[in-house]
Amino acid sequence: MLFILTSIEQKLTTKQRLEIETRLANYNIPVQILQMVADRCECRLDASVSGRDLPKKPKLSILLTRLNDKAVMLLEQIFLDCHDSFSNFRFAVFLSSMYSPLLHKFVMDEKIAGESGLEYSFDVGIYGRSTEKLVAIGMQNNDKTQQAADSKSLRKFLSAVKDLRAMHASMRGAYYSSSYGYHDDNPWRLARKMHTYGSDNEKAEIRFFDYRDKIYSEIKSH
């Protein structure tokens, strides 16, 4: 199912919509990500609650009912069909398990300048809500030819991390994910060689992940 849909194709039957909403309700999708999807689909998402003895935010199942059909179908493409073109949304949701959306703001397809003045493109940029300072970045290998992440790609990522750390002292995490594995199956070898961590008191967490069969798996250091 393509995202470019006609006005007729953007309508779901009650049964179709309920089935999609039921499946999506099993995912821990932050309100901010839902809002981004709603904005893309020209839908106003009301995330407020009313009445007594209600939680601070509505359940995901309730929020899904407030979206239009177009937004629900886009969520289906992102999280159920796992279209490559929307992988940044999935990566942001995965990183939200490490950085609370209540305390952090997530920005997609972010360009961030390092100490050298160069700008780097990342799939996800994470900022502190109260400070608005850069906290973490996420980059993916979604090679169109479905090639494993090679040393060139990893060097580019690690060099960017080092440059950004020199400029943004608040940055404490950098995450790389590959949908097609790693060329030498040990990205940590290159990471250690390039010494990107900083001093012991200022270490930035660097982690590598595989994304396969709709699951993120960490590549452990060895």
Protein backbone atom coordinates (compact mmCIF):
# COMPACT_ATOMS: atom_id res chain seq x y z
CA MET A 1 0.00 0.00 0.00
CA LEU A 2 1.54 3.28 -1.10
CA PHE A 3 1.25 6.51 0.84
CA ILE A 4 0.19 8.34 -2.35
CA LEU A 5 -3.50 7.51 -2.19
CA THR A 6 -6.56 8.87 -3.92
CA SER A 7 -9.40 10.37 -1.90
CA ILE A 8 -11.36 7.15 -2.43
CA GLU A 9 -8.48 4.94 -1.29
CA GLN A 10 -8.03 7.05 1.85
CA LYS A 11 -11.29 5.72 3.29
CA LEU A 12 -11.35 2.65 5.51
CA THR A 13 -14.34 0.53 6.42
CA THR A 14 -15.18 0.35 10.11
CA LYS A 15 -13.88 -3.22 10.23
CA GLN A 16 -10.61 -2.38 8.41
CA ARG A 17 -9.93 0.56 10.70
CA LEU A 18 -10.68 -1.42 13.86
CA GLU A 19 -8.30 -4.18 12.79
CA ILE A 20 -5.47 -1.70 12.14
CA GLU A 21 -6.09 0.22 15.37
CA THR A 22 -6.11 -3.02 17.38
CA ARG A 23 -2.71 -4.03 15.99
CA LEU A 24 -1.22 -0.56 16.41
CA ALA A 25 -2.39 -0.40 20.03
CA ASN A 26 0.25 -3.03 20.87
CA TYR A 27 3.03 -0.57 19.99
CA ASN A 28 4.40 1.99 22.42
CA ILE A 29 4.12 5.01 20.11
CA PRO A 30 4.78 8.36 21.86
CA VAL A 31 2.25 11.15 21.45
CA GLN A 32 4.85 13.32 19.73
CA ILE A 33 5.30 10.74 16.96
CA LEU A 34 1.54 10.44 16.54
CA GLN A 35 1.39 14.23 16.25
CA MET A 36 4.03 14.20 13.49
CA VAL A 37 2.04 11.62 11.56
CA ALA A 38 -1.17 13.60 12.10
CA ASP A 39 0.48 16.77 10.79
CA ARG A 40 1.61 14.97 7.63
CA CYS A 41 -1.94 13.80 7.07
CA GLU A 42 -3.63 17.15 7.70
CA CYS A 43 -5.23 15.86 10.86
CA ARG A 44 -5.60 17.70 14.14
CA LEU A 45 -4.79 15.36 17.03
CA ASP A 46 -6.36 16.25 20.36
CA ALA A 47 -4.17 14.64 23.02
CA SER A 48 -6.00 16.21 25.96
CA VAL A 49 -8.02 14.40 28.60
CA SER A 50 -11.13 15.42 30.49
CA GLY A 51 -13.04 14.20 33.52
CA ARG A 52 -11.90 12.93 36.89
CA ASP A 53 -9.59 10.04 37.73
CA LEU A 54 -8.11 9.89 34.24
CA PRO A 55 -4.42 9.31 33.49
CA LYS A 56 -2.20 12.24 32.53
CA LYS A 57 -2.46 11.27 28.87
CA PRO A 58 -5.01 9.20 26.94
CA LYS A 59 -4.24 5.59 26.08
CA LEU A 60 -2.86 4.94 22.62
CA SER A 61 -6.08 3.15 21.68
CA ILE A 62 -8.03 6.34 22.42
CA LEU A 63 -5.64 8.57 20.50
CA LEU A 64 -5.85 6.32 17.44
CA THR A 65 -9.60 6.84 17.26
CA ARG A 66 -8.99 10.61 17.01
CA LEU A 67 -6.90 10.30 13.84
CA ASN A 68 -8.30 10.43 10.32
CA ASP A 69 -8.13 7.41 8.01
CA LYS A 70 -5.11 8.77 6.17
CA ALA A 71 -3.09 8.99 9.40
CA VAL A 72 -4.13 5.50 10.49
CA MET A 73 -3.05 4.08 7.13
CA LEU A 74 0.29 5.89 7.37
CA LEU A 75 0.84 4.41 10.84
CA GLU A 76 0.07 1.02 9.31
CA GLN A 77 2.75 1.55 6.69
CA ILE A 78 5.28 2.71 9.29
CA PHE A 79 4.83 0.14 12.05
CA LEU A 80 2.98 -2.83 10.57
CA ASP A 81 4.18 -2.97 6.96
CA CYS A 82 7.60 -1.49 7.92
CA HIS A 83 8.16 0.52 4.73
CA ASP A 84 11.81 1.55 4.41
CA SER A 85 10.87 5.13 3.54
CA PHE A 86 9.43 5.60 7.05
CA SER A 87 12.20 3.88 9.00
CA ASN A 88 13.11 7.11 10.81
CA PHE A 89 9.77 7.01 12.63
CA ARG A 90 10.42 3.46 13.84
CA PHE A 91 13.94 4.39 14.92
CA ALA A 92 12.63 7.41 16.85
CA VAL A 93 10.11 5.22 18.67
CA PHE A 94 12.86 2.74 19.53
CA LEU A 95 15.07 5.53 20.89
CA SER A 96 12.14 6.89 22.89
CA SER A 97 12.52 3.82 25.11
CA MET A 98 15.88 5.30 26.19
CA TYR A 99 14.93 8.98 26.18
CA SER A 100 11.54 9.82 27.66
CA PRO A 101 9.38 11.88 25.27
CA LEU A 102 8.13 13.76 28.34
CA LEU A 103 11.64 15.13 28.84
CA HIS A 104 12.95 15.10 25.26
CA LYS A 105 11.92 16.37 21.84
CA PHE A 106 12.50 14.21 18.77
CA VAL A 107 13.29 15.77 15.37
CA MET A 108 13.36 13.76 12.13
CA ASP A 109 15.88 14.11 9.31
CA GLU A 110 17.90 16.57 11.36
CA LYS A 111 20.94 18.57 10.20
CA ILE A 112 23.33 19.48 13.02
CA ALA A 113 26.56 21.49 12.88
CA GLY A 114 29.73 20.29 14.57
CA GLU A 115 32.73 22.20 15.89
CA SER A 116 34.30 22.19 12.41
CA GLY A 117 31.32 24.06 10.99
CA LEU A 118 30.26 21.07 8.91
CA GLU A 119 26.62 20.05 9.00
CA TYR A 120 25.70 16.40 9.42
CA SER A 121 22.41 14.75 8.49
CA PHE A 122 20.82 12.35 10.96
CA ASP A 123 17.61 10.35 10.91
CA VAL A 124 16.78 11.39 14.48
CA GLY A 125 17.95 14.27 16.65
CA ILE A 126 16.99 14.27 20.34
CA TYR A 127 16.90 17.48 22.38
CA GLY A 128 16.15 18.25 26.02
CA ARG A 129 12.71 19.85 26.29
CA SER A 130 13.74 22.25 29.06
CA THR A 131 17.24 23.09 27.76
CA GLU A 132 16.69 22.68 23.98
CA LYS A 133 20.25 21.30 23.87
CA LEU A 134 21.29 18.32 21.78
CA VAL A 135 21.19 15.11 23.83
CA ALA A 136 21.55 12.29 21.30
CA ILE A 137 21.52 11.42 17.60
CA GLY A 138 20.49 8.38 15.59
CA MET A 139 21.67 7.34 12.12
CA GLN A 140 20.60 4.39 9.98
CA ASN A 141 22.00 2.33 7.15
CA ASN A 142 19.12 1.93 4.73
CA ASP A 143 21.22 1.30 1.64
CA LYS A 144 19.03 1.19 -1.48
CA THR A 145 21.09 -1.74 -2.76
CA GLN A 146 20.60 -3.48 0.61
CA GLN A 147 24.32 -3.66 1.33
CA ALA A 148 25.70 -4.17 4.82
CA ALA A 149 27.12 -1.13 6.62
CA ASP A 150 30.78 -0.87 5.64
CA SER A 151 33.77 0.86 7.24
CA LYS A 152 33.22 3.98 5.12
CA SER A 153 29.70 4.47 6.49
CA LEU A 154 30.79 3.80 10.06
CA ARG A 155 33.79 6.12 9.80
CA LYS A 156 31.49 8.88 8.59
CA PHE A 157 29.18 8.29 11.55
CA LEU A 158 31.96 8.11 14.14
CA SER A 159 33.73 11.20 12.76
CA ALA A 160 30.46 13.11 12.94
CA VAL A 161 29.96 12.00 16.54
CA LYS A 162 33.43 13.24 17.48
CA ASP A 163 32.87 16.61 15.78
CA LEU A 164 29.44 17.05 17.37
CA ARG A 165 30.70 16.11 20.82
CA ALA A 166 33.28 18.88 20.56
CA MET A 167 30.50 21.36 19.84
CA HIS A 168 27.67 20.00 21.99
CA ALA A 169 28.87 19.06 25.46
CA SER A 170 25.32 18.04 26.38
CA MET A 171 25.34 15.20 23.83
CA ARG A 172 25.47 11.89 25.65
CA GLY A 173 24.34 9.29 23.11
CA ALA A 174 24.93 8.23 19.48
CA TYR A 175 23.12 5.28 17.91
CA TYR A 176 23.61 3.52 14.58
CA SER A 177 21.21 0.98 13.12
CA SER A 178 21.57 -1.17 10.02
CA SER A 179 18.77 -3.05 8.29
CA TYR A 180 21.30 -5.17 6.40
CA GLY A 181 23.91 -6.07 8.98
CA TYR A 182 27.56 -4.98 9.19
CA HIS A 183 30.31 -5.75 6.72
CA ASP A 184 32.79 -7.18 9.22
CA ASP A 185 30.16 -8.01 11.87
CA ASN A 186 32.07 -6.01 14.48
CA PRO A 187 31.54 -2.23 14.27
CA TRP A 188 33.08 -1.88 17.73
CA ARG A 189 36.52 -2.62 16.32
CA LEU A 190 36.41 0.57 14.27
CA ALA A 191 34.80 2.56 17.08
CA ARG A 192 37.65 1.72 19.45
CA LYS A 193 40.23 2.52 16.81
CA MET A 194 38.82 6.00 16.24
CA HIS A 195 38.63 6.90 19.97
CA THR A 196 35.35 8.78 19.74
CA TYR A 197 34.24 8.47 23.33
CA GLY A 198 35.89 11.45 25.06
CA SER A 199 37.33 11.48 28.56
CA ASP A 200 36.15 9.04 31.21
CA ASN A 201 34.02 11.76 32.84
CA GLU A 202 32.44 12.87 29.54
CA LYS A 203 31.83 9.62 27.72
CA ALA A 204 29.09 9.57 25.12
CA GLU A 205 27.24 6.29 24.84
CA ILE A 206 27.71 4.73 21.40
CA ARG A 207 25.64 1.69 20.45
CA PHE A 208 25.07 -0.30 17.27
CA PHE A 209 21.88 -2.13 16.31
CA ASP A 210 20.53 -4.48 13.66
CA TYR A 211 16.94 -4.01 12.49
CA ARG A 212 15.60 -7.26 11.11
CA ASP A 213 12.21 -8.96 11.18
CA LYS A 214 10.70 -5.84 12.79
CA ILE A 215 13.03 -6.12 15.81
CA TYR A 216 16.04 -4.04 16.95
CA SER A 217 18.91 -6.17 18.26
CA GLU A 218 22.02 -4.63 19.79
CA ILE A 219 25.44 -5.57 18.40
CA LYS A 220 27.44 -6.23 21.54
CA SER A 221 31.10 -5.26 21.95
CA HIS A 222 33.49 -8.20 21.51
